Amino acid sequence: MPDNNVQSDWTAPQDVGDHTGREIKPGKRFCWGPPPEIGRVLSAESNIITGSEPSFLKPWSIMLGLWIVVYLGLGEIMPRVMEGKGDPQIVRWIGVGVGLLCGLLSLLYTWPDRPQCTYVGIEGAAILSGRWGKPDAGEKQVVVFQDVTVLFASTTHMYKNLIYENTLFNFKWHKDASEREVMTIGGEHACMDQPPLPDNIYHFALRAEERWMEELIRRHGVTPGRDQATVFPCRKSSIKEVRLHADRIEFVYDQRVDSVAIPDLGQIHTRRGIIHIDKNDTAWFGGKGKFRVGYGDLGNAGLFLYYLGQLLQGDQAHGVA
């Protein structure tokens, strides 16, 4: 059934750019407009080009051609080369199987992406996906920022034999850390030291995260509260949550709570996706006073590092004064 909350053939206002801040490319078509619950649109992107619906004949043609070429090479030419050294019928069946496998892999690689429109608004973000030739969005993900409390975000660089291959990313918003995610933005790109192409969904994730950070700061304040701790939930870790006070950090475990005063903090850095926090008197060979949590496993990790940076700068300024 059509979604009455979604506009059709939406036209972007002149002050709305893509998720990188650039002007939206001419010819982009937004056949499903933004849901009204995300508020005024700040940025938008679409992989639909007016008048250029992808051909589904091409992937099938490539598959069939590759299947025939592989079969002829293995099933017809190879038996002639191996004459008298094996059963040609078995070799032909191998050619059929290998050719089919290669054809199916090419079909997966060349099959057109699903049509998709993405929006970031003042109040939330949305992903609308469908099928080519179908008028309605078959899949709709919408996050309204006032209805959620936590974002888990991770970016992982993948290597093989010490050589960079690609980057995987995953952004998940939850109403509560213990509940299932409301929206998931995931994908990959192959740009390690530079941003991917503007139409990569990674930029949508970053823009939505940026707007979420603004919402968190509006909600919790520009600086950490002095009267109440800001709580950051953890998952997949022995640390269950991190409580950030104006004068200390508390690491909450199942059976205990470890507290570190801000002036007692030593080395703090992020390496290979892990946030390392050490007390300034921690011995390098021991584990006491050392705290580790994955960036992607710490809810609202961006706000945590932002607040922690402010507290450390304030402590240094107080020490100089």
C-alpha atoms as a PDB file:
ATOM      1  CA  MET A   1       0.000   0.000   0.000  1.00  0.00           C
ATOM      2  CA  PRO A   2       1.252   3.532  -0.635  1.00  0.00           C
ATOM      3  CA  ASP A   3       2.645   5.404   2.348  1.00  0.00           C
ATOM      4  CA  ASN A   4       0.508   8.515   2.783  1.00  0.00           C
ATOM      5  CA  ASN A   5       3.229  10.125   4.938  1.00  0.00           C
ATOM      6  CA  VAL A   6       5.730  10.133   2.067  1.00  0.00           C
ATOM      7  CA  GLN A   7       5.611  12.735  -0.681  1.00  0.00           C
ATOM      8  CA  SER A   8       6.152  11.731  -4.303  1.00  0.00           C
ATOM      9  CA  ASP A   9       8.517  13.417  -6.773  1.00  0.00           C
ATOM     10  CA  TRP A  10       9.983  15.789  -4.227  1.00  0.00           C
ATOM     11  CA  THR A  11      12.007  18.772  -5.481  1.00  0.00           C
ATOM     12  CA  ALA A  12      14.911  19.925  -3.312  1.00  0.00           C
ATOM     13  CA  PRO A  13      14.855  23.616  -2.294  1.00  0.00           C
ATOM     14  CA  GLN A  14      17.780  25.696  -3.479  1.00  0.00           C
ATOM     15  CA  ASP A  15      19.289  25.884   0.011  1.00  0.00           C
ATOM     16  CA  VAL A  16      19.392  22.084   0.388  1.00  0.00           C
ATOM     17  CA  GLY A  17      22.575  20.339  -0.760  1.00  0.00           C
ATOM     18  CA  ASP A  18      23.764  16.755  -0.707  1.00  0.00           C
ATOM     19  CA  HIS A  19      25.192  15.129   2.425  1.00  0.00           C
ATOM     20  CA  THR A  20      28.703  16.464   1.719  1.00  0.00           C
ATOM     21  CA  GLY A  21      27.468  20.071   1.585  1.00  0.00           C
ATOM     22  CA  ARG A  22      27.763  20.300  -2.190  1.00  0.00           C
ATOM     23  CA  GLU A  23      25.008  21.270  -4.574  1.00  0.00           C
ATOM     24  CA  ILE A  24      22.771  18.361  -5.581  1.00  0.00           C
ATOM     25  CA  LYS A  25      23.752  17.179  -9.047  1.00  0.00           C
ATOM     26  CA  PRO A  26      21.332  18.085 -11.846  1.00  0.00           C
ATOM     27  CA  GLY A  27      19.114  15.209 -12.939  1.00  0.00           C
ATOM     28  CA  LYS A  28      18.821  13.594  -9.502  1.00  0.00           C
ATOM     29  CA  ARG A  29      15.242  12.482  -8.947  1.00  0.00           C
ATOM     30  CA  PHE A  30      13.654  12.139  -5.517  1.00  0.00           C
ATOM     31  CA  CYS A  31      10.682   9.942  -6.339  1.00  0.00           C
ATOM     32  CA  TRP A  32       9.925   9.508  -2.617  1.00  0.00           C
ATOM     33  CA  GLY A  33      10.017  12.703  -0.619  1.00  0.00           C
ATOM     34  CA  PRO A  34      11.080  13.152   3.014  1.00  0.00           C
ATOM     35  CA  PRO A  35       8.718  12.014   5.784  1.00  0.00           C
ATOM     36  CA  PRO A  36       7.282  15.071   7.563  1.00  0.00           C
ATOM     37  CA  GLU A  37       8.383  13.817  11.000  1.00  0.00           C
ATOM     38  CA  ILE A  38      12.072  14.572  10.262  1.00  0.00           C
ATOM     39  CA  GLY A  39      11.297  18.297   9.978  1.00  0.00           C
ATOM     40  CA  ARG A  40      12.934  20.779   7.624  1.00  0.00           C
ATOM     41  CA  VAL A  41      15.358  18.998   5.312  1.00  0.00           C
ATOM     42  CA  LEU A  42      19.035  19.938   5.689  1.00  0.00           C
ATOM     43  CA  SER A  43      20.562  17.583   3.115  1.00  0.00           C
ATOM     44  CA  ALA A  44      19.384  14.961   0.639  1.00  0.00           C
ATOM     45  CA  GLU A  45      20.765  12.389  -1.806  1.00  0.00           C
ATOM     46  CA  SER A  46      19.348  10.001  -4.395  1.00  0.00           C
ATOM     47  CA  ASN A  47      20.799   7.346  -6.681  1.00  0.00           C
ATOM     48  CA  ILE A  48      17.918   7.801  -9.143  1.00  0.00           C
ATOM     49  CA  ILE A  49      18.690   9.715 -12.328  1.00  0.00           C
ATOM     50  CA  THR A  50      15.797  11.145 -14.329  1.00  0.00           C
ATOM     51  CA  GLY A  51      15.177   9.161 -17.518  1.00  0.00           C
ATOM     52  CA  SER A  52      17.944   6.599 -16.926  1.00  0.00           C
ATOM     53  CA  GLU A  53      16.384   3.531 -15.346  1.00  0.00           C
ATOM     54  CA  PRO A  54      19.030   0.780 -15.348  1.00  0.00           C
ATOM     55  CA  SER A  55      18.859  -2.074 -17.828  1.00  0.00           C
ATOM     56  CA  PHE A  56      18.351  -5.538 -16.351  1.00  0.00           C
ATOM     57  CA  LEU A  57      19.176  -7.123 -19.707  1.00  0.00           C
ATOM     58  CA  LYS A  58      22.853  -6.170 -19.416  1.00  0.00           C
ATOM     59  CA  PRO A  59      23.623  -8.188 -16.228  1.00  0.00           C
ATOM     60  CA  TRP A  60      21.888 -11.259 -17.663  1.00  0.00           C
ATOM     61  CA  SER A  61      23.756 -10.853 -20.982  1.00  0.00           C
ATOM     62  CA  ILE A  62      27.086 -10.629 -19.156  1.00  0.00           C
ATOM     63  CA  MET A  63      26.220 -13.708 -17.104  1.00  0.00           C
ATOM     64  CA  LEU A  64      25.236 -15.735 -20.172  1.00  0.00           C
ATOM     65  CA  GLY A  65      28.305 -14.615 -22.132  1.00  0.00           C
ATOM     66  CA  LEU A  66      30.682 -15.442 -19.300  1.00  0.00           C
ATOM     67  CA  TRP A  67      29.036 -18.833 -18.798  1.00  0.00           C
ATOM     68  CA  ILE A  68      29.465 -19.679 -22.496  1.00  0.00           C
ATOM     69  CA  VAL A  69      33.091 -18.496 -22.629  1.00  0.00           C
ATOM     70  CA  VAL A  70      34.095 -20.480 -19.522  1.00  0.00           C
ATOM     71  CA  TYR A  71      32.264 -23.573 -20.742  1.00  0.00           C
ATOM     72  CA  LEU A  72      33.883 -23.423 -24.191  1.00  0.00           C
ATOM     73  CA  GLY A  73      37.319 -23.022 -22.591  1.00  0.00           C
ATOM     74  CA  LEU A  74      36.934 -25.844 -20.072  1.00  0.00           C
ATOM     75  CA  GLY A  75      34.285 -28.050 -21.627  1.00  0.00           C
ATOM     76  CA  GLU A  76      35.265 -28.061 -25.318  1.00  0.00           C
ATOM     77  CA  ILE A  77      38.844 -26.854 -25.759  1.00  0.00           C
ATOM     78  CA  MET A  78      40.321 -28.511 -22.672  1.00  0.00           C
ATOM     79  CA  PRO A  79      39.190 -32.081 -23.625  1.00  0.00           C
ATOM     80  CA  ARG A  80      40.936 -31.668 -26.992  1.00  0.00           C
ATOM     81  CA  VAL A  81      44.136 -30.588 -25.282  1.00  0.00           C
ATOM     82  CA  MET A  82      43.854 -33.459 -22.772  1.00  0.00           C
ATOM     83  CA  GLU A  83      42.883 -36.035 -25.380  1.00  0.00           C
ATOM     84  CA  GLY A  84      43.394 -39.538 -24.007  1.00  0.00           C
ATOM     85  CA  LYS A  85      44.185 -38.271 -20.484  1.00  0.00           C
ATOM     86  CA  GLY A  86      40.723 -38.119 -18.954  1.00  0.00           C
ATOM     87  CA  ASP A  87      37.006 -38.508 -19.444  1.00  0.00           C
ATOM     88  CA  PRO A  88      35.902 -35.583 -21.672  1.00  0.00           C
ATOM     89  CA  GLN A  89      32.335 -35.826 -20.375  1.00  0.00           C
ATOM     90  CA  ILE A  90      33.476 -35.155 -16.815  1.00  0.00           C
ATOM     91  CA  VAL A  91      35.532 -32.181 -18.013  1.00  0.00           C
ATOM     92  CA  ARG A  92      32.468 -30.811 -19.836  1.00  0.00           C
ATOM     93  CA  TRP A  93      30.359 -31.046 -16.676  1.00  0.00           C
ATOM     94  CA  ILE A  94      33.094 -29.246 -14.778  1.00  0.00           C
ATOM     95  CA  GLY A  95      32.999 -26.532 -17.449  1.00  0.00           C
ATOM     96  CA  VAL A  96      29.235 -26.221 -17.007  1.00  0.00           C
ATOM     97  CA  GLY A  97      29.564 -25.875 -13.223  1.00  0.00           C
ATOM     98  CA  VAL A  98      32.465 -23.422 -13.231  1.00  0.00           C
ATOM     99  CA  GLY A  99      30.842 -21.385 -15.991  1.00  0.00           C
ATOM    100  CA  LEU A 100      27.584 -21.194 -14.052  1.00  0.00           C
ATOM    101  CA  LEU A 101      29.408 -20.133 -10.883  1.00  0.00           C
ATOM    102  CA  CYS A 102      31.311 -17.390 -12.723  1.00  0.00           C
ATOM    103  CA  GLY A 103      28.095 -16.228 -14.370  1.00  0.00           C
ATOM    104  CA  LEU A 104      26.241 -16.014 -11.053  1.00  0.00           C
ATOM    105  CA  LEU A 105      29.087 -14.058  -9.449  1.00  0.00           C
ATOM    106  CA  SER A 106      29.054 -11.607 -12.350  1.00  0.00           C
ATOM    107  CA  LEU A 107      25.279 -11.258 -11.957  1.00  0.00           C
ATOM    108  CA  LEU A 108      25.695 -10.306  -8.306  1.00  0.00           C
ATOM    109  CA  TYR A 109      28.441  -7.828  -9.170  1.00  0.00           C
ATOM    110  CA  THR A 110      26.647  -6.107 -12.073  1.00  0.00           C
ATOM    111  CA  TRP A 111      23.068  -6.127 -10.718  1.00  0.00           C
ATOM    112  CA  PRO A 112      21.797  -2.525 -10.292  1.00  0.00           C
ATOM    113  CA  ASP A 113      21.568  -1.072  -6.795  1.00  0.00           C
ATOM    114  CA  ARG A 114      18.105  -0.578  -5.376  1.00  0.00           C
ATOM    115  CA  PRO A 115      16.669   2.924  -5.907  1.00  0.00           C
ATOM    116  CA  GLN A 116      17.164   4.907  -2.740  1.00  0.00           C
ATOM    117  CA  CYS A 117      16.559   8.400  -1.342  1.00  0.00           C
ATOM    118  CA  THR A 118      18.126   9.623   1.907  1.00  0.00           C
ATOM    119  CA  TYR A 119      17.339  12.719   3.964  1.00  0.00           C
ATOM    120  CA  VAL A 120      18.694  14.448   7.049  1.00  0.00           C
ATOM    121  CA  GLY A 121      16.340  16.916   8.692  1.00  0.00           C
ATOM    122  CA  ILE A 122      16.260  19.132  11.746  1.00  0.00           C
ATOM    123  CA  GLU A 123      14.299  16.522  13.698  1.00  0.00           C
ATOM    124  CA  GLY A 124      15.591  13.239  12.254  1.00  0.00           C
ATOM    125  CA  ALA A 125      16.776  11.242   9.253  1.00  0.00           C
ATOM    126  CA  ALA A 126      15.223   8.829   6.764  1.00  0.00           C
ATOM    127  CA  ILE A 127      16.119   6.163   4.201  1.00  0.00           C
ATOM    128  CA  LEU A 128      13.535   5.275   1.559  1.00  0.00           C
ATOM    129  CA  SER A 129      14.205   2.309  -0.726  1.00  0.00           C
ATOM    130  CA  GLY A 130      12.159   0.552  -3.371  1.00  0.00           C
ATOM    131  CA  ARG A 131      12.376  -1.453  -6.580  1.00  0.00           C
ATOM    132  CA  TRP A 132      12.911  -0.257 -10.107  1.00  0.00           C
ATOM    133  CA  GLY A 133       9.597   0.103 -11.893  1.00  0.00           C
ATOM    134  CA  LYS A 134       7.581   0.157  -8.655  1.00  0.00           C
ATOM    135  CA  PRO A 135       5.968   3.492  -7.642  1.00  0.00           C
ATOM    136  CA  ASP A 136       6.052   3.016  -3.871  1.00  0.00           C
ATOM    137  CA  ALA A 137       8.922   2.821  -1.376  1.00  0.00           C
ATOM    138  CA  GLY A 138       9.007  -0.785  -0.230  1.00  0.00           C
ATOM    139  CA  GLU A 139      11.320  -0.106   2.709  1.00  0.00           C
ATOM    140  CA  LYS A 140      11.365   2.901   4.999  1.00  0.00           C
ATOM    141  CA  GLN A 141      13.689   3.634   7.914  1.00  0.00           C
ATOM    142  CA  VAL A 142      13.034   6.791   9.917  1.00  0.00           C
ATOM    143  CA  VAL A 143      14.706   7.984  13.102  1.00  0.00           C
ATOM    144  CA  VAL A 144      13.200  10.908  15.024  1.00  0.00           C
ATOM    145  CA  PHE A 145      15.969  12.190  17.268  1.00  0.00           C
ATOM    146  CA  GLN A 146      13.720  13.107  20.189  1.00  0.00           C
ATOM    147  CA  ASP A 147      12.560   9.463  20.325  1.00  0.00           C
ATOM    148  CA  VAL A 148      16.038   7.897  20.646  1.00  0.00           C
ATOM    149  CA  THR A 149      18.761   8.096  23.283  1.00  0.00           C
ATOM    150  CA  VAL A 150      21.885   6.438  21.929  1.00  0.00           C
ATOM    151  CA  LEU A 151      23.964   5.940  18.789  1.00  0.00           C
ATOM    152  CA  PHE A 152      26.535   3.162  18.368  1.00  0.00           C
ATOM    153  CA  ALA A 153      28.884   4.036  15.511  1.00  0.00           C
ATOM    154  CA  SER A 154      31.823   2.023  14.183  1.00  0.00           C
ATOM    155  CA  THR A 155      34.260   2.347  11.301  1.00  0.00           C
ATOM    156  CA  THR A 156      36.634  -0.544  10.584  1.00  0.00           C
ATOM    157  CA  HIS A 157      39.557  -0.584   8.136  1.00  0.00           C
ATOM    158  CA  MET A 158      40.055  -4.061   6.655  1.00  0.00           C
ATOM    159  CA  TYR A 159      43.517  -5.367   5.706  1.00  0.00           C
ATOM    160  CA  LYS A 160      44.775  -8.487   3.967  1.00  0.00           C
ATOM    161  CA  ASN A 161      48.465  -9.345   4.188  1.00  0.00           C
ATOM    162  CA  LEU A 162      49.060  -5.859   5.657  1.00  0.00           C
ATOM    163  CA  ILE A 163      47.510  -4.233   2.567  1.00  0.00           C
ATOM    164  CA  TYR A 164      44.424  -2.060   2.960  1.00  0.00           C
ATOM    165  CA  GLU A 165      41.320  -3.492   1.260  1.00  0.00           C
ATOM    166  CA  ASN A 166      38.250  -1.532   2.317  1.00  0.00           C
ATOM    167  CA  THR A 167      36.433   0.200   5.151  1.00  0.00           C
ATOM    168  CA  LEU A 168      33.246  -1.087   6.780  1.00  0.00           C
ATOM    169  CA  PHE A 169      30.956   1.270   8.678  1.00  0.00           C
ATOM    170  CA  ASN A 170      27.857   0.863  10.810  1.00  0.00           C
ATOM    171  CA  PHE A 171      25.688   3.462  12.562  1.00  0.00           C
ATOM    172  CA  LYS A 172      22.772   2.315  14.755  1.00  0.00           C
ATOM    173  CA  TRP A 173      20.310   4.487  16.659  1.00  0.00           C
ATOM    174  CA  HIS A 174      18.364   2.979  19.602  1.00  0.00           C
ATOM    175  CA  LYS A 175      15.529   4.192  21.786  1.00  0.00           C
ATOM    176  CA  ASP A 176      17.400   2.454  24.577  1.00  0.00           C
ATOM    177  CA  ALA A 177      20.724   0.626  24.503  1.00  0.00           C
ATOM    178  CA  SER A 178      18.996  -2.633  25.449  1.00  0.00           C
ATOM    179  CA  GLU A 179      16.422  -2.387  22.644  1.00  0.00           C
ATOM    180  CA  ARG A 180      16.649  -3.164  18.952  1.00  0.00           C
ATOM    181  CA  GLU A 181      17.913  -0.384  16.702  1.00  0.00           C
ATOM    182  CA  VAL A 182      15.457   2.090  15.143  1.00  0.00           C
ATOM    183  CA  MET A 183      17.687   2.883  12.166  1.00  0.00           C
ATOM    184  CA  THR A 184      20.815   1.261  10.732  1.00  0.00           C
ATOM    185  CA  ILE A 185      23.133   2.873   8.196  1.00  0.00           C
ATOM    186  CA  GLY A 186      25.779   0.439   7.015  1.00  0.00           C
ATOM    187  CA  GLY A 187      28.025  -0.125   4.044  1.00  0.00           C
ATOM    188  CA  GLU A 188      31.581   0.028   2.815  1.00  0.00           C
ATOM    189  CA  HIS A 189      33.989   2.055   0.725  1.00  0.00           C
ATOM    190  CA  ALA A 190      37.564   1.658  -0.453  1.00  0.00           C
ATOM    191  CA  CYS A 191      38.991   5.077   0.450  1.00  0.00           C
ATOM    192  CA  MET A 192      41.316   4.958   3.431  1.00  0.00           C
ATOM    193  CA  ASP A 193      42.928   8.425   3.517  1.00  0.00           C
ATOM    194  CA  GLN A 194      40.272  10.388   1.658  1.00  0.00           C
ATOM    195  CA  PRO A 195      36.474  10.542   1.664  1.00  0.00           C
ATOM    196  CA  PRO A 196      34.544   8.250  -0.700  1.00  0.00           C
ATOM    197  CA  LEU A 197      32.511   9.535  -3.645  1.00  0.00           C
ATOM    198  CA  PRO A 198      29.784  12.042  -2.685  1.00  0.00           C
ATOM    199  CA  ASP A 199      26.938   9.605  -3.382  1.00  0.00           C
ATOM    200  CA  ASN A 200      28.310   6.940  -0.995  1.00  0.00           C
ATOM    201  CA  ILE A 201      25.886   6.392   1.891  1.00  0.00           C
ATOM    202  CA  TYR A 202      28.789   6.946   4.306  1.00  0.00           C
ATOM    203  CA  HIS A 203      28.261  10.702   3.896  1.00  0.00           C
ATOM    204  CA  PHE A 204      24.610  10.276   4.861  1.00  0.00           C
ATOM    205  CA  ALA A 205      25.716   8.476   8.032  1.00  0.00           C
ATOM    206  CA  LEU A 206      28.203  11.248   8.906  1.00  0.00           C
ATOM    207  CA  ARG A 207      25.645  14.008   8.297  1.00  0.00           C
ATOM    208  CA  ALA A 208      23.031  12.222  10.413  1.00  0.00           C
ATOM    209  CA  GLU A 209      25.629  11.693  13.166  1.00  0.00           C
ATOM    210  CA  GLU A 210      26.549  15.379  13.034  1.00  0.00           C
ATOM    211  CA  ARG A 211      22.907  16.401  13.463  1.00  0.00           C
ATOM    212  CA  TRP A 212      22.562  13.846  16.278  1.00  0.00           C
ATOM    213  CA  MET A 213      25.550  15.391  18.059  1.00  0.00           C
ATOM    214  CA  GLU A 214      23.859  18.781  17.874  1.00  0.00           C
ATOM    215  CA  GLU A 215      20.735  17.231  19.400  1.00  0.00           C
ATOM    216  CA  LEU A 216      22.772  15.623  22.218  1.00  0.00           C
ATOM    217  CA  ILE A 217      24.478  18.922  23.050  1.00  0.00           C
ATOM    218  CA  ARG A 218      21.090  20.657  23.069  1.00  0.00           C
ATOM    219  CA  ARG A 219      19.815  17.916  25.365  1.00  0.00           C
ATOM    220  CA  HIS A 220      22.771  17.642  27.774  1.00  0.00           C
ATOM    221  CA  GLY A 221      24.427  21.051  27.434  1.00  0.00           C
ATOM    222  CA  VAL A 222      27.516  22.469  25.757  1.00  0.00           C
ATOM    223  CA  THR A 223      29.643  21.450  28.728  1.00  0.00           C
ATOM    224  CA  PRO A 224      29.304  18.422  31.063  1.00  0.00           C
ATOM    225  CA  GLY A 225      26.749  18.951  33.807  1.00  0.00           C
ATOM    226  CA  ARG A 226      28.101  19.646  37.290  1.00  0.00           C
ATOM    227  CA  ASP A 227      25.145  18.331  39.268  1.00  0.00           C
ATOM    228  CA  GLN A 228      24.439  15.122  37.344  1.00  0.00           C
ATOM    229  CA  ALA A 229      26.554  12.585  35.472  1.00  0.00           C
ATOM    230  CA  THR A 230      26.204  12.001  31.745  1.00  0.00           C
ATOM    231  CA  VAL A 231      25.782   8.246  31.252  1.00  0.00           C
ATOM    232  CA  PHE A 232      27.251   6.403  28.254  1.00  0.00           C
ATOM    233  CA  PRO A 233      26.057   2.783  27.900  1.00  0.00           C
ATOM    234  CA  CYS A 234      28.490   0.068  26.791  1.00  0.00           C
ATOM    235  CA  ARG A 235      27.933  -3.230  25.016  1.00  0.00           C
ATOM    236  CA  LYS A 236      30.146  -6.257  24.346  1.00  0.00           C
ATOM    237  CA  SER A 237      32.412  -5.156  27.174  1.00  0.00           C
ATOM    238  CA  SER A 238      33.073  -5.951  30.830  1.00  0.00           C
ATOM    239  CA  ILE A 239      32.361  -2.255  31.399  1.00  0.00           C
ATOM    240  CA  LYS A 240      28.571  -1.859  31.463  1.00  0.00           C
ATOM    241  CA  GLU A 241      28.467   1.944  31.349  1.00  0.00           C
ATOM    242  CA  VAL A 242      30.674   4.985  31.729  1.00  0.00           C
ATOM    243  CA  ARG A 243      29.504   7.887  33.884  1.00  0.00           C
ATOM    244  CA  LEU A 244      31.139  11.217  33.177  1.00  0.00           C
ATOM    245  CA  HIS A 245      31.004  13.790  35.982  1.00  0.00           C
ATOM    246  CA  ALA A 246      32.494  17.263  35.963  1.00  0.00           C
ATOM    247  CA  ASP A 247      35.290  16.079  38.283  1.00  0.00           C
ATOM    248  CA  ARG A 248      35.652  12.343  37.618  1.00  0.00           C
ATOM    249  CA  ILE A 249      34.898   9.339  35.395  1.00  0.00           C
ATOM    250  CA  GLU A 250      33.196   6.234  36.740  1.00  0.00           C
ATOM    251  CA  PHE A 251      33.550   2.857  35.021  1.00  0.00           C
ATOM    252  CA  VAL A 252      30.666   0.608  36.035  1.00  0.00           C
ATOM    253  CA  TYR A 253      31.201  -3.171  36.071  1.00  0.00           C
ATOM    254  CA  ASP A 254      28.864  -5.947  37.193  1.00  0.00           C
ATOM    255  CA  GLN A 255      30.195  -6.037  40.750  1.00  0.00           C
ATOM    256  CA  ARG A 256      32.082  -2.760  41.209  1.00  0.00           C
ATOM    257  CA  VAL A 257      32.522   0.847  40.138  1.00  0.00           C
ATOM    258  CA  ASP A 258      36.020   2.237  39.481  1.00  0.00           C
ATOM    259  CA  SER A 259      36.360   6.008  39.737  1.00  0.00           C
ATOM    260  CA  VAL A 260      39.144   8.213  38.365  1.00  0.00           C
ATOM    261  CA  ALA A 261      39.398  11.928  39.142  1.00  0.00           C
ATOM    262  CA  ILE A 262      39.941  14.141  36.093  1.00  0.00           C
ATOM    263  CA  PRO A 263      43.296  15.497  37.431  1.00  0.00           C
ATOM    264  CA  ASP A 264      44.477  11.883  37.878  1.00  0.00           C
ATOM    265  CA  LEU A 265      43.953  10.953  34.227  1.00  0.00           C
ATOM    266  CA  GLY A 266      47.103  10.098  32.307  1.00  0.00           C
ATOM    267  CA  GLN A 267      47.368   8.814  28.760  1.00  0.00           C
ATOM    268  CA  ILE A 268      44.178   8.882  26.687  1.00  0.00           C
ATOM    269  CA  HIS A 269      44.110   7.786  23.059  1.00  0.00           C
ATOM    270  CA  THR A 270      42.205   5.734  20.502  1.00  0.00           C
ATOM    271  CA  ARG A 271      43.993   2.932  18.641  1.00  0.00           C
ATOM    272  CA  ARG A 272      42.485   0.354  16.303  1.00  0.00           C
ATOM    273  CA  GLY A 273      38.993   1.332  17.346  1.00  0.00           C
ATOM    274  CA  ILE A 274      39.699   0.983  21.088  1.00  0.00           C
ATOM    275  CA  ILE A 275      39.538   3.915  23.517  1.00  0.00           C
ATOM    276  CA  HIS A 276      42.445   3.674  26.001  1.00  0.00           C
ATOM    277  CA  ILE A 277      42.162   5.578  29.299  1.00  0.00           C
ATOM    278  CA  ASP A 278      44.912   5.247  31.922  1.00  0.00           C
ATOM    279  CA  LYS A 279      45.525   6.814  35.303  1.00  0.00           C
ATOM    280  CA  ASN A 280      48.685   8.912  35.464  1.00  0.00           C
ATOM    281  CA  ASP A 281      50.321   6.581  38.039  1.00  0.00           C
ATOM    282  CA  THR A 282      49.568   3.330  36.185  1.00  0.00           C
ATOM    283  CA  ALA A 283      52.495   0.950  35.725  1.00  0.00           C
ATOM    284  CA  TRP A 284      53.070  -0.077  32.108  1.00  0.00           C
ATOM    285  CA  PHE A 285      53.261  -3.808  33.014  1.00  0.00           C
ATOM    286  CA  GLY A 286      50.082  -3.928  35.127  1.00  0.00           C
ATOM    287  CA  GLY A 287      46.368  -3.812  34.415  1.00  0.00           C
ATOM    288  CA  LYS A 288      45.241  -1.726  37.373  1.00  0.00           C
ATOM    289  CA  GLY A 289      44.112   1.770  36.456  1.00  0.00           C
ATOM    290  CA  LYS A 290      43.770   0.904  32.772  1.00  0.00           C
ATOM    291  CA  PHE A 291      40.377   1.058  31.066  1.00  0.00           C
ATOM    292  CA  ARG A 292      39.549  -0.147  27.563  1.00  0.00           C
ATOM    293  CA  VAL A 293      36.307   0.078  25.591  1.00  0.00           C
ATOM    294  CA  GLY A 294      35.633  -0.196  21.880  1.00  0.00           C
ATOM    295  CA  TYR A 295      34.586   3.042  20.205  1.00  0.00           C
ATOM    296  CA  GLY A 296      31.780   1.205  18.434  1.00  0.00           C
ATOM    297  CA  ASP A 297      30.659  -0.372  21.730  1.00  0.00           C
ATOM    298  CA  LEU A 298      30.390   2.930  23.630  1.00  0.00           C
ATOM    299  CA  GLY A 299      27.049   4.635  23.156  1.00  0.00           C
ATOM    300  CA  ASN A 300      27.325   8.260  21.959  1.00  0.00           C
ATOM    301  CA  ALA A 301      31.116   7.891  21.852  1.00  0.00           C
ATOM    302  CA  GLY A 302      31.515  11.162  19.951  1.00  0.00           C
ATOM    303  CA  LEU A 303      29.869  13.131  22.769  1.00  0.00           C
ATOM    304  CA  PHE A 304      31.974  11.283  25.366  1.00  0.00           C
ATOM    305  CA  LEU A 305      35.254  12.272  23.699  1.00  0.00           C
ATOM    306  CA  TYR A 306      33.996  15.827  23.150  1.00  0.00           C
ATOM    307  CA  TYR A 307      33.097  16.253  26.829  1.00  0.00           C
ATOM    308  CA  LEU A 308      36.263  14.539  28.011  1.00  0.00           C
ATOM    309  CA  GLY A 309      38.365  16.871  25.868  1.00  0.00           C
ATOM    310  CA  GLN A 310      36.636  19.870  27.442  1.00  0.00           C
ATOM    311  CA  LEU A 311      37.226  18.568  30.963  1.00  0.00           C
ATOM    312  CA  LEU A 312      40.911  17.928  30.276  1.00  0.00           C
ATOM    313  CA  GLN A 313      41.392  21.383  28.770  1.00  0.00           C
ATOM    314  CA  GLY A 314      39.651  22.952  31.763  1.00  0.00           C
ATOM    315  CA  ASP A 315      41.835  20.997  34.176  1.00  0.00           C
ATOM    316  CA  GLN A 316      45.009  22.087  32.347  1.00  0.00           C
ATOM    317  CA  ALA A 317      43.869  25.725  32.336  1.00  0.00           C
ATOM    318  CA  HIS A 318      43.127  25.459  36.081  1.00  0.00           C
ATOM    319  CA  GLY A 319      46.586  23.981  36.692  1.00  0.00           C
ATOM    320  CA  VAL A 320      48.294  26.808  34.778  1.00  0.00           C
ATOM    321  CA  ALA A 321      46.252  29.410  36.616  1.00  0.00           C
END
